C-alpha atoms as a PDB file:
ATOM      1  CA  MET A   1      30.524  -3.316 -31.221  1.00  0.00           C
ATOM      2  CA  SER A   2      27.344  -5.115 -30.279  1.00  0.00           C
ATOM      3  CA  GLU A   3      25.159  -6.488 -33.104  1.00  0.00           C
ATOM      4  CA  GLN A   4      22.092  -4.748 -31.413  1.00  0.00           C
ATOM      5  CA  THR A   5      23.459  -1.054 -31.624  1.00  0.00           C
ATOM      6  CA  TRP A   6      22.363  -0.335 -35.240  1.00  0.00           C
ATOM      7  CA  ASP A   7      18.695   0.664 -34.543  1.00  0.00           C
ATOM      8  CA  ARG A   8      19.750   3.377 -32.181  1.00  0.00           C
ATOM      9  CA  VAL A   9      21.132   5.424 -34.962  1.00  0.00           C
ATOM     10  CA  PRO A  10      18.716   7.570 -36.936  1.00  0.00           C
ATOM     11  CA  ILE A  11      19.339   7.221 -40.748  1.00  0.00           C
ATOM     12  CA  ASP A  12      18.248   8.587 -44.020  1.00  0.00           C
ATOM     13  CA  ALA A  13      19.591   5.945 -46.312  1.00  0.00           C
ATOM     14  CA  GLN A  14      19.400   6.039 -50.159  1.00  0.00           C
ATOM     15  CA  SER A  15      17.118   3.391 -51.652  1.00  0.00           C
ATOM     16  CA  VAL A  16      19.588   0.503 -50.936  1.00  0.00           C
ATOM     17  CA  GLU A  17      16.610  -1.733 -49.758  1.00  0.00           C
ATOM     18  CA  ALA A  18      14.555  -1.133 -52.936  1.00  0.00           C
ATOM     19  CA  PRO A  19      12.991  -4.454 -54.029  1.00  0.00           C
ATOM     20  CA  LEU A  20      14.463  -6.567 -56.680  1.00  0.00           C
ATOM     21  CA  SER A  21      13.576  -4.984 -59.912  1.00  0.00           C
ATOM     22  CA  GLN A  22      13.103  -6.372 -63.518  1.00  0.00           C
ATOM     23  CA  SER A  23      15.454  -4.162 -65.034  1.00  0.00           C
ATOM     24  CA  ALA A  24      18.753  -2.235 -63.920  1.00  0.00           C
ATOM     25  CA  VAL A  25      21.603  -0.389 -65.326  1.00  0.00           C
ATOM     26  CA  PHE A  26      24.942  -0.458 -63.598  1.00  0.00           C
ATOM     27  CA  LEU A  27      26.875   2.513 -64.614  1.00  0.00           C
ATOM     28  CA  VAL A  28      30.402   3.264 -63.462  1.00  0.00           C
ATOM     29  CA  VAL A  29      32.253   6.467 -64.493  1.00  0.00           C
ATOM     30  CA  ALA A  30      35.536   8.161 -63.707  1.00  0.00           C
ATOM     31  CA  ALA A  31      35.640  11.813 -62.772  1.00  0.00           C
ATOM     32  CA  LYS A  32      37.793  14.056 -64.914  1.00  0.00           C
ATOM     33  CA  ASN A  33      40.482  16.351 -63.543  1.00  0.00           C
ATOM     34  CA  GLY A  34      39.746  19.776 -62.686  1.00  0.00           C
ATOM     35  CA  ASP A  35      37.341  22.048 -60.632  1.00  0.00           C
ATOM     36  CA  ALA A  36      34.845  22.365 -63.424  1.00  0.00           C
ATOM     37  CA  ALA A  37      34.417  18.552 -63.505  1.00  0.00           C
ATOM     38  CA  LEU A  38      33.809  18.412 -59.805  1.00  0.00           C
ATOM     39  CA  THR A  39      31.412  21.278 -59.966  1.00  0.00           C
ATOM     40  CA  THR A  40      29.344  19.442 -62.572  1.00  0.00           C
ATOM     41  CA  ILE A  41      29.471  16.209 -60.593  1.00  0.00           C
ATOM     42  CA  ARG A  42      28.133  17.930 -57.477  1.00  0.00           C
ATOM     43  CA  GLU A  43      25.323  19.760 -59.293  1.00  0.00           C
ATOM     44  CA  THR A  44      24.131  16.534 -61.128  1.00  0.00           C
ATOM     45  CA  VAL A  45      24.260  14.486 -58.059  1.00  0.00           C
ATOM     46  CA  ALA A  46      22.482  17.024 -55.947  1.00  0.00           C
ATOM     47  CA  SER A  47      19.657  17.043 -58.452  1.00  0.00           C
ATOM     48  CA  ILE A  48      19.402  13.365 -58.790  1.00  0.00           C
ATOM     49  CA  ASP A  49      16.068  13.125 -56.847  1.00  0.00           C
ATOM     50  CA  ASP A  50      14.556  15.678 -59.255  1.00  0.00           C
ATOM     51  CA  LEU A  51      15.766  13.660 -62.323  1.00  0.00           C
ATOM     52  CA  ILE A  52      14.175  10.553 -60.808  1.00  0.00           C
ATOM     53  CA  LYS A  53      10.864  12.264 -60.599  1.00  0.00           C
ATOM     54  CA  THR A  54      11.369  13.628 -63.950  1.00  0.00           C
ATOM     55  CA  VAL A  55      11.508  10.205 -65.656  1.00  0.00           C
ATOM     56  CA  GLY A  56       9.667   8.199 -62.900  1.00  0.00           C
ATOM     57  CA  PHE A  57       6.382  10.061 -62.858  1.00  0.00           C
ATOM     58  CA  ARG A  58       5.595   8.707 -66.555  1.00  0.00           C
ATOM     59  CA  ASP A  59       4.922   5.177 -64.678  1.00  0.00           C
ATOM     60  CA  LEU A  60       4.827   5.354 -60.844  1.00  0.00           C
ATOM     61  CA  SER A  61       4.335   1.650 -60.773  1.00  0.00           C
ATOM     62  CA  GLY A  62       7.742   1.492 -62.501  1.00  0.00           C
ATOM     63  CA  ARG A  63       9.425   2.160 -59.079  1.00  0.00           C
ATOM     64  CA  LEU A  64      12.502   3.912 -60.778  1.00  0.00           C
ATOM     65  CA  SER A  65      15.300   4.466 -58.255  1.00  0.00           C
ATOM     66  CA  CYS A  66      18.962   5.264 -58.210  1.00  0.00           C
ATOM     67  CA  VAL A  67      21.808   4.653 -55.642  1.00  0.00           C
ATOM     68  CA  VAL A  68      24.893   6.691 -55.976  1.00  0.00           C
ATOM     69  CA  GLY A  69      28.226   5.445 -54.664  1.00  0.00           C
ATOM     70  CA  PHE A  70      31.657   7.247 -54.505  1.00  0.00           C
ATOM     71  CA  GLY A  71      35.092   5.532 -54.672  1.00  0.00           C
ATOM     72  CA  HIS A  72      37.930   6.426 -52.328  1.00  0.00           C
ATOM     73  CA  ASP A  73      39.883   8.649 -54.512  1.00  0.00           C
ATOM     74  CA  LEU A  74      36.908  10.913 -55.502  1.00  0.00           C
ATOM     75  CA  TRP A  75      35.581  11.108 -51.935  1.00  0.00           C
ATOM     76  CA  ARG A  76      38.965  12.683 -51.164  1.00  0.00           C
ATOM     77  CA  ARG A  77      38.550  15.198 -53.842  1.00  0.00           C
ATOM     78  CA  LEU A  78      35.003  16.048 -52.944  1.00  0.00           C
ATOM     79  CA  SER A  79      35.600  16.386 -49.080  1.00  0.00           C
ATOM     80  CA  ASN A  80      38.280  17.270 -46.699  1.00  0.00           C
ATOM     81  CA  ASP A  81      36.223  15.485 -43.934  1.00  0.00           C
ATOM     82  CA  THR A  82      37.017  11.943 -42.797  1.00  0.00           C
ATOM     83  CA  LEU A  83      36.296   8.956 -44.991  1.00  0.00           C
ATOM     84  CA  PRO A  84      33.893   6.218 -44.008  1.00  0.00           C
ATOM     85  CA  ALA A  85      35.972   4.029 -41.791  1.00  0.00           C
ATOM     86  CA  GLU A  86      36.471   0.981 -44.309  1.00  0.00           C
ATOM     87  CA  LEU A  87      36.286   2.897 -47.464  1.00  0.00           C
ATOM     88  CA  ARG A  88      39.440   1.888 -49.602  1.00  0.00           C
ATOM     89  CA  PRO A  89      40.029   0.838 -53.242  1.00  0.00           C
ATOM     90  CA  PHE A  90      39.122  -2.666 -54.307  1.00  0.00           C
ATOM     91  CA  LYS A  91      41.592  -5.147 -53.297  1.00  0.00           C
ATOM     92  CA  PRO A  92      42.608  -7.488 -56.091  1.00  0.00           C
ATOM     93  CA  VAL A  93      42.703 -11.121 -55.188  1.00  0.00           C
ATOM     94  CA  ASP A  94      45.357 -13.562 -56.472  1.00  0.00           C
ATOM     95  CA  GLY A  95      44.456 -17.009 -56.048  1.00  0.00           C
ATOM     96  CA  PRO A  96      46.341 -20.201 -57.008  1.00  0.00           C
ATOM     97  CA  VAL A  97      44.255 -20.464 -60.429  1.00  0.00           C
ATOM     98  CA  HIS A  98      41.920 -17.383 -60.665  1.00  0.00           C
ATOM     99  CA  HIS A  99      42.332 -13.735 -60.192  1.00  0.00           C
ATOM    100  CA  ALA A 100      39.881 -10.964 -59.187  1.00  0.00           C
ATOM    101  CA  PRO A 101      41.132  -7.748 -60.912  1.00  0.00           C
ATOM    102  CA  ALA A 102      40.776  -4.144 -59.577  1.00  0.00           C
ATOM    103  CA  THR A 103      39.519  -1.795 -62.150  1.00  0.00           C
ATOM    104  CA  PRO A 104      38.839   1.985 -62.163  1.00  0.00           C
ATOM    105  CA  GLY A 105      35.705   3.840 -61.240  1.00  0.00           C
ATOM    106  CA  ASP A 106      34.985   6.948 -59.139  1.00  0.00           C
ATOM    107  CA  ILE A 107      31.056   6.973 -59.160  1.00  0.00           C
ATOM    108  CA  LEU A 108      28.576   4.181 -59.349  1.00  0.00           C
ATOM    109  CA  PHE A 109      24.964   4.795 -60.452  1.00  0.00           C
ATOM    110  CA  HIS A 110      22.831   1.757 -59.500  1.00  0.00           C
ATOM    111  CA  ILE A 111      19.686   2.432 -61.602  1.00  0.00           C
ATOM    112  CA  ARG A 112      16.628   0.006 -61.000  1.00  0.00           C
ATOM    113  CA  ALA A 113      13.060  -0.078 -62.343  1.00  0.00           C
ATOM    114  CA  GLU A 114      10.378  -2.392 -63.449  1.00  0.00           C
ATOM    115  CA  ARG A 115      10.720  -1.155 -67.021  1.00  0.00           C
ATOM    116  CA  ILE A 116      13.948  -1.062 -69.143  1.00  0.00           C
ATOM    117  CA  ASP A 117      12.790   2.159 -70.938  1.00  0.00           C
ATOM    118  CA  LEU A 118      12.707   3.993 -67.485  1.00  0.00           C
ATOM    119  CA  CYS A 119      16.318   2.956 -66.695  1.00  0.00           C
ATOM    120  CA  PHE A 120      17.342   3.892 -70.456  1.00  0.00           C
ATOM    121  CA  GLU A 121      15.786   7.245 -70.266  1.00  0.00           C
ATOM    122  CA  PHE A 122      17.232   8.064 -66.713  1.00  0.00           C
ATOM    123  CA  GLU A 123      20.704   6.954 -67.882  1.00  0.00           C
ATOM    124  CA  ARG A 124      20.454   9.113 -71.002  1.00  0.00           C
ATOM    125  CA  LEU A 125      19.492  12.158 -68.943  1.00  0.00           C
ATOM    126  CA  LEU A 126      22.160  11.473 -66.381  1.00  0.00           C
ATOM    127  CA  LEU A 127      24.858  11.261 -68.741  1.00  0.00           C
ATOM    128  CA  SER A 128      23.735  14.461 -70.580  1.00  0.00           C
ATOM    129  CA  ALA A 129      23.780  16.326 -67.374  1.00  0.00           C
ATOM    130  CA  LEU A 130      27.311  14.979 -66.563  1.00  0.00           C
ATOM    131  CA  ASP A 131      28.500  16.009 -69.841  1.00  0.00           C
ATOM    132  CA  ASP A 132      32.248  15.927 -70.373  1.00  0.00           C
ATOM    133  CA  ALA A 133      32.967  15.827 -66.475  1.00  0.00           C
ATOM    134  CA  VAL A 134      33.245  12.208 -66.571  1.00  0.00           C
ATOM    135  CA  ASN A 135      34.343   9.156 -68.778  1.00  0.00           C
ATOM    136  CA  VAL A 136      32.254   6.113 -68.915  1.00  0.00           C
ATOM    137  CA  ILE A 137      34.239   3.113 -67.682  1.00  0.00           C
ATOM    138  CA  ASP A 138      31.440   0.643 -67.925  1.00  0.00           C
ATOM    139  CA  ALA A 139      27.744   0.490 -68.317  1.00  0.00           C
ATOM    140  CA  VAL A 140      25.800  -2.836 -68.240  1.00  0.00           C
ATOM    141  CA  SER A 141      22.104  -3.343 -68.587  1.00  0.00           C
ATOM    142  CA  GLY A 142      20.686  -6.225 -66.575  1.00  0.00           C
ATOM    143  CA  PHE A 143      17.417  -8.094 -66.510  1.00  0.00           C
ATOM    144  CA  ARG A 144      15.633 -10.368 -64.296  1.00  0.00           C
ATOM    145  CA  TYR A 145      15.803 -13.834 -65.701  1.00  0.00           C
ATOM    146  CA  PHE A 146      12.586 -16.084 -65.193  1.00  0.00           C
ATOM    147  CA  ASP A 147      12.158 -16.731 -61.386  1.00  0.00           C
ATOM    148  CA  ALA A 148      15.283 -14.684 -60.444  1.00  0.00           C
ATOM    149  CA  ARG A 149      17.753 -17.051 -61.987  1.00  0.00           C
ATOM    150  CA  ASP A 150      21.195 -16.422 -63.299  1.00  0.00           C
ATOM    151  CA  LEU A 151      22.212 -17.549 -66.599  1.00  0.00           C
ATOM    152  CA  LEU A 152      23.851 -20.580 -65.080  1.00  0.00           C
ATOM    153  CA  GLY A 153      20.357 -21.894 -64.344  1.00  0.00           C
ATOM    154  CA  PHE A 154      20.169 -21.324 -60.490  1.00  0.00           C
ATOM    155  CA  VAL A 155      18.220 -18.939 -58.298  1.00  0.00           C
ATOM    156  CA  ASP A 156      20.402 -15.981 -57.354  1.00  0.00           C
ATOM    157  CA  GLY A 157      20.258 -13.972 -54.039  1.00  0.00           C
ATOM    158  CA  THR A 158      18.585 -16.695 -52.014  1.00  0.00           C
ATOM    159  CA  ALA A 159      20.489 -15.857 -48.864  1.00  0.00           C
ATOM    160  CA  ASN A 160      19.507 -12.211 -49.038  1.00  0.00           C
ATOM    161  CA  PRO A 161      18.409 -10.590 -45.858  1.00  0.00           C
ATOM    162  CA  VAL A 162      14.699  -9.555 -45.688  1.00  0.00           C
ATOM    163  CA  GLY A 163      12.557  -6.949 -44.021  1.00  0.00           C
ATOM    164  CA  SER A 164      14.092  -5.754 -40.525  1.00  0.00           C
ATOM    165  CA  ASP A 165      17.327  -7.706 -41.214  1.00  0.00           C
ATOM    166  CA  ILE A 166      18.375  -5.672 -44.280  1.00  0.00           C
ATOM    167  CA  PRO A 167      19.575  -2.531 -42.302  1.00  0.00           C
ATOM    168  CA  GLU A 168      21.645  -4.716 -39.951  1.00  0.00           C
ATOM    169  CA  ALA A 169      23.295  -6.376 -42.936  1.00  0.00           C
ATOM    170  CA  ALA A 170      23.615  -3.606 -45.454  1.00  0.00           C
ATOM    171  CA  LEU A 171      23.689  -0.062 -43.612  1.00  0.00           C
ATOM    172  CA  VAL A 172      26.401   1.240 -41.442  1.00  0.00           C
ATOM    173  CA  GLY A 173      25.274   1.714 -37.922  1.00  0.00           C
ATOM    174  CA  ASN A 174      26.790   3.711 -34.734  1.00  0.00           C
ATOM    175  CA  GLU A 175      30.128   2.017 -35.229  1.00  0.00           C
ATOM    176  CA  ASP A 176      30.853   4.829 -37.657  1.00  0.00           C
ATOM    177  CA  PRO A 177      28.160   7.401 -36.705  1.00  0.00           C
ATOM    178  CA  ASP A 178      29.179  10.223 -39.026  1.00  0.00           C
ATOM    179  CA  PHE A 179      28.301   7.755 -41.833  1.00  0.00           C
ATOM    180  CA  ALA A 180      25.446   5.922 -40.361  1.00  0.00           C
ATOM    181  CA  GLY A 181      22.831   4.920 -43.054  1.00  0.00           C
ATOM    182  CA  GLY A 182      25.477   4.470 -45.732  1.00  0.00           C
ATOM    183  CA  SER A 183      26.562   1.237 -47.497  1.00  0.00           C
ATOM    184  CA  TYR A 184      29.620  -0.163 -48.743  1.00  0.00           C
ATOM    185  CA  VAL A 185      29.170  -1.472 -52.330  1.00  0.00           C
ATOM    186  CA  VAL A 186      31.395  -3.683 -54.439  1.00  0.00           C
ATOM    187  CA  VAL A 187      30.655  -4.488 -58.048  1.00  0.00           C
ATOM    188  CA  GLN A 188      32.091  -7.177 -60.432  1.00  0.00           C
ATOM    189  CA  LYS A 189      31.141  -8.090 -63.820  1.00  0.00           C
ATOM    190  CA  TYR A 190      31.544 -11.854 -64.588  1.00  0.00           C
ATOM    191  CA  LEU A 191      31.360 -13.690 -67.852  1.00  0.00           C
ATOM    192  CA  HIS A 192      30.391 -17.214 -68.047  1.00  0.00           C
ATOM    193  CA  ASP A 193      31.528 -19.944 -70.348  1.00  0.00           C
ATOM    194  CA  LEU A 194      27.938 -21.586 -70.826  1.00  0.00           C
ATOM    195  CA  LYS A 195      29.252 -24.267 -73.110  1.00  0.00           C
ATOM    196  CA  ALA A 196      31.727 -25.696 -70.567  1.00  0.00           C
ATOM    197  CA  TRP A 197      29.107 -25.196 -67.701  1.00  0.00           C
ATOM    198  CA  GLY A 198      26.596 -27.196 -69.558  1.00  0.00           C
ATOM    199  CA  ALA A 199      29.048 -29.918 -70.562  1.00  0.00           C
ATOM    200  CA  ILE A 200      29.462 -31.015 -66.777  1.00  0.00           C
ATOM    201  CA  GLY A 201      25.822 -31.814 -66.156  1.00  0.00           C
ATOM    202  CA  PRO A 202      23.402 -30.928 -63.468  1.00  0.00           C
ATOM    203  CA  THR A 203      24.730 -33.185 -60.826  1.00  0.00           C
ATOM    204  CA  GLU A 204      28.343 -31.688 -60.787  1.00  0.00           C
ATOM    205  CA  GLN A 205      26.602 -28.076 -61.320  1.00  0.00           C
ATOM    206  CA  GLN A 206      24.511 -28.680 -58.046  1.00  0.00           C
ATOM    207  CA  THR A 207      27.689 -29.684 -56.151  1.00  0.00           C
ATOM    208  CA  ILE A 208      29.746 -26.655 -57.262  1.00  0.00           C
ATOM    209  CA  ILE A 209      26.868 -24.232 -56.368  1.00  0.00           C
ATOM    210  CA  GLY A 210      25.630 -25.936 -53.249  1.00  0.00           C
ATOM    211  CA  ARG A 211      21.990 -25.976 -54.094  1.00  0.00           C
ATOM    212  CA  THR A 212      19.549 -28.023 -56.247  1.00  0.00           C
ATOM    213  CA  ILE A 213      18.591 -26.423 -59.623  1.00  0.00           C
ATOM    214  CA  VAL A 214      14.808 -27.156 -59.590  1.00  0.00           C
ATOM    215  CA  ASP A 215      13.674 -26.393 -56.127  1.00  0.00           C
ATOM    216  CA  ASN A 216      16.689 -24.317 -54.790  1.00  0.00           C
ATOM    217  CA  VAL A 217      17.291 -26.394 -51.631  1.00  0.00           C
ATOM    218  CA  GLU A 218      20.570 -26.154 -49.887  1.00  0.00           C
ATOM    219  CA  ILE A 219      22.954 -29.178 -50.256  1.00  0.00           C
ATOM    220  CA  ASP A 220      24.754 -29.889 -46.998  1.00  0.00           C
ATOM    221  CA  ASP A 221      28.545 -30.029 -47.829  1.00  0.00           C
ATOM    222  CA  ASP A 222      30.107 -29.620 -44.318  1.00  0.00           C
ATOM    223  CA  ASP A 223      31.698 -32.847 -44.537  1.00  0.00           C
ATOM    224  CA  ALA A 224      32.600 -32.749 -48.231  1.00  0.00           C
ATOM    225  CA  PRO A 225      36.344 -32.528 -49.145  1.00  0.00           C
ATOM    226  CA  ARG A 226      35.815 -29.304 -51.052  1.00  0.00           C
ATOM    227  CA  LYS A 227      33.088 -26.570 -50.207  1.00  0.00           C
ATOM    228  CA  SER A 228      30.555 -25.447 -52.514  1.00  0.00           C
ATOM    229  CA  HIS A 229      30.033 -21.694 -53.679  1.00  0.00           C
ATOM    230  CA  LYS A 230      27.302 -21.339 -51.204  1.00  0.00           C
ATOM    231  CA  SER A 231      29.381 -22.247 -48.137  1.00  0.00           C
ATOM    232  CA  LEU A 232      32.624 -20.392 -49.334  1.00  0.00           C
ATOM    233  CA  ALA A 233      30.338 -17.164 -49.656  1.00  0.00           C
ATOM    234  CA  THR A 234      28.942 -17.531 -46.088  1.00  0.00           C
ATOM    235  CA  ILE A 235      31.076 -15.431 -43.691  1.00  0.00           C
ATOM    236  CA  VAL A 236      31.212 -16.353 -40.071  1.00  0.00           C
ATOM    237  CA  ASP A 237      33.352 -14.328 -37.597  1.00  0.00           C
ATOM    238  CA  GLU A 238      35.567 -15.442 -34.774  1.00  0.00           C
ATOM    239  CA  GLN A 239      32.510 -15.051 -32.382  1.00  0.00           C
ATOM    240  CA  GLY A 240      30.445 -17.430 -34.498  1.00  0.00           C
ATOM    241  CA  ILE A 241      28.224 -14.567 -35.882  1.00  0.00           C
ATOM    242  CA  GLU A 242      27.209 -14.959 -39.506  1.00  0.00           C
ATOM    243  CA  HIS A 243      27.454 -11.814 -41.574  1.00  0.00           C
ATOM    244  CA  ASP A 244      24.997 -11.350 -44.417  1.00  0.00           C
ATOM    245  CA  ILE A 245      25.181  -8.894 -47.432  1.00  0.00           C
ATOM    246  CA  LEU A 246      22.511  -7.658 -49.656  1.00  0.00           C
ATOM    247  CA  ARG A 247      22.934  -8.800 -53.244  1.00  0.00           C
ATOM    248  CA  ASP A 248      21.042  -7.353 -56.291  1.00  0.00           C
ATOM    249  CA  ASN A 249      22.947  -9.354 -58.949  1.00  0.00           C
ATOM    250  CA  MET A 250      21.507  -9.193 -62.527  1.00  0.00           C
ATOM    251  CA  PRO A 251      22.191 -11.389 -65.661  1.00  0.00           C
ATOM    252  CA  PHE A 252      23.209  -9.553 -68.809  1.00  0.00           C
ATOM    253  CA  GLY A 253      24.302 -10.549 -72.079  1.00  0.00           C
ATOM    254  CA  SER A 254      23.942 -11.021 -75.751  1.00  0.00           C
ATOM    255  CA  PRO A 255      23.668 -14.504 -77.446  1.00  0.00           C
ATOM    256  CA  ALA A 256      24.517 -12.809 -80.749  1.00  0.00           C
ATOM    257  CA  ARG A 257      27.890 -11.861 -79.430  1.00  0.00           C
ATOM    258  CA  GLY A 258      28.337 -15.034 -77.460  1.00  0.00           C
ATOM    259  CA  GLU A 259      28.351 -12.907 -74.171  1.00  0.00           C
ATOM    260  CA  PHE A 260      26.679 -14.324 -70.890  1.00  0.00           C
ATOM    261  CA  GLY A 261      27.278 -12.925 -67.639  1.00  0.00           C
ATOM    262  CA  THR A 262      26.238 -11.878 -64.195  1.00  0.00           C
ATOM    263  CA  TYR A 263      26.789  -8.529 -62.645  1.00  0.00           C
ATOM    264  CA  PHE A 264      27.543  -8.912 -58.919  1.00  0.00           C
ATOM    265  CA  ILE A 265      26.477  -6.073 -56.773  1.00  0.00           C
ATOM    266  CA  GLY A 266      26.860  -6.350 -52.989  1.00  0.00           C
ATOM    267  CA  TYR A 267      25.671  -3.850 -50.334  1.00  0.00           C
ATOM    268  CA  SER A 268      27.158  -4.210 -46.940  1.00  0.00           C
ATOM    269  CA  ARG A 269      27.499  -2.700 -43.524  1.00  0.00           C
ATOM    270  CA  ARG A 270      31.044  -3.998 -43.299  1.00  0.00           C
ATOM    271  CA  LEU A 271      33.276  -3.812 -46.206  1.00  0.00           C
ATOM    272  CA  TRP A 272      35.603  -6.529 -44.775  1.00  0.00           C
ATOM    273  CA  VAL A 273      32.689  -9.073 -45.092  1.00  0.00           C
ATOM    274  CA  ILE A 274      32.673  -8.849 -48.869  1.00  0.00           C
ATOM    275  CA  GLU A 275      36.392  -8.824 -49.129  1.00  0.00           C
ATOM    276  CA  LYS A 276      36.554 -12.001 -47.041  1.00  0.00           C
ATOM    277  CA  MET A 277      33.935 -13.670 -49.258  1.00  0.00           C
ATOM    278  CA  LEU A 278      36.184 -13.007 -52.375  1.00  0.00           C
ATOM    279  CA  GLU A 279      39.223 -14.231 -50.545  1.00  0.00           C
ATOM    280  CA  ARG A 280      37.479 -17.472 -49.718  1.00  0.00           C
ATOM    281  CA  MET A 281      36.201 -17.836 -53.256  1.00  0.00           C
ATOM    282  CA  PHE A 282      39.446 -17.146 -54.955  1.00  0.00           C
ATOM    283  CA  ILE A 283      42.210 -18.536 -52.459  1.00  0.00           C
ATOM    284  CA  GLY A 284      40.002 -21.134 -50.944  1.00  0.00           C
ATOM    285  CA  ASP A 285      39.358 -22.613 -47.543  1.00  0.00           C
ATOM    286  CA  PRO A 286      41.609 -24.256 -46.877  1.00  0.00           C
ATOM    287  CA  PRO A 287      43.996 -22.311 -49.382  1.00  0.00           C
ATOM    288  CA  GLY A 288      44.031 -23.953 -52.780  1.00  0.00           C
ATOM    289  CA  SER A 289      40.436 -25.159 -52.644  1.00  0.00           C
ATOM    290  CA  TYR A 290      38.954 -22.180 -54.615  1.00  0.00           C
ATOM    291  CA  ASP A 291      35.420 -21.876 -55.582  1.00  0.00           C
ATOM    292  CA  ARG A 292      35.022 -24.243 -58.703  1.00  0.00           C
ATOM    293  CA  LEU A 293      32.437 -21.788 -60.184  1.00  0.00           C
ATOM    294  CA  LEU A 294      35.404 -19.583 -61.065  1.00  0.00           C
ATOM    295  CA  ASP A 295      36.348 -22.324 -63.582  1.00  0.00           C
ATOM    296  CA  PHE A 296      33.378 -21.341 -65.532  1.00  0.00           C
ATOM    297  CA  SER A 297      32.735 -17.673 -64.597  1.00  0.00           C
ATOM    298  CA  THR A 298      35.538 -14.974 -64.985  1.00  0.00           C
ATOM    299  CA  PRO A 299      35.591 -11.487 -63.350  1.00  0.00           C
ATOM    300  CA  LYS A 300      36.421  -8.740 -65.758  1.00  0.00           C
ATOM    301  CA  THR A 301      35.957  -5.826 -63.265  1.00  0.00           C
ATOM    302  CA  GLY A 302      36.338  -4.966 -59.518  1.00  0.00           C
ATOM    303  CA  THR A 303      35.419  -1.680 -57.968  1.00  0.00           C
ATOM    304  CA  THR A 304      34.566  -0.499 -54.404  1.00  0.00           C
ATOM    305  CA  PHE A 305      32.321   2.359 -53.343  1.00  0.00           C
ATOM    306  CA  PHE A 306      30.590   3.929 -50.606  1.00  0.00           C
ATOM    307  CA  ALA A 307      26.790   4.868 -50.984  1.00  0.00           C
ATOM    308  CA  PRO A 308      26.216   7.553 -48.282  1.00  0.00           C
ATOM    309  CA  SER A 309      23.075   8.643 -46.465  1.00  0.00           C
ATOM    310  CA  ARG A 310      21.081  11.388 -48.056  1.00  0.00           C
ATOM    311  CA  ARG A 311      22.415  13.696 -45.388  1.00  0.00           C
ATOM    312  CA  VAL A 312      26.050  12.984 -46.250  1.00  0.00           C
ATOM    313  CA  LEU A 313      25.180  12.937 -49.861  1.00  0.00           C
ATOM    314  CA  THR A 314      23.894  16.550 -49.504  1.00  0.00           C
ATOM    315  CA  ARG A 315      26.874  17.738 -47.486  1.00  0.00           C
ATOM    316  CA  LEU A 316      29.330  16.038 -50.264  1.00  0.00           C
ATOM    317  CA  CYS A 317      27.564  17.989 -53.056  1.00  0.00           C
ATOM    318  CA  GLY A 318      27.667  21.328 -51.121  1.00  0.00           C
ATOM    319  CA  ASN A 319      23.902  21.851 -50.991  1.00  0.00           C
END
């Protein structure tokens, strides 16, 4: 499929391309069994835009938004139609030293705003509407940390596409026309060992990440015996085409609990791109040369979703 075919497909995507926000909530839930639970889920998701207006009108400059994604198994329960071409459960990755686990989750609500109280209120009303139709699997409140840095001290998301490049990277095109405008979403919650990270010092930290700390300049490691995180997370296909994804990672944590983490969320036109990225990180390129960042950052969750276009979302919810 040509790289130039995307813009010939009309779309009505969810707010995947919303600007990076100051606050976010990553809410993953599992649907309970039974028709009553599915009915409640359909009704709640169908009214999600109204709920955004209900909360967001209090401060329009707060830019409240919510992207809804569904996992493979729930999609099957909601619809007898075909699935998005690449939608499948998260593939765990077993590397020589580190492991990327697969964890449960049927629905992802990616809630974003410039104010944490807007995220809080939206989450509260959303869970009230869902009532006992779901079980909460994970809920993480993220925050923008200084100049878009992670808790390891580096600027995060530098390689994100911008402007007109976002749809090409993040939204399905006419290679799967029934689901054009949708996006594959992978989430992982990483916990950092900041004490061990600090002990290795800034020079080694920069070598591992592949960027300088202060000015965020890329470090050329093409000839290095072991590739950096930056290089391993760069995906180039057999034709030499580089495939970007859209990240909206957020730091989270609690110093009182000794918890420091990064919530990874990647939106992609092609699920295989994120899967290949994780394979390179955990197994290595060449195999065995895994991403040394994993010696300090441990994934605790791993789940895959598809965030459909508004048209498909309406069809799934029966309205």
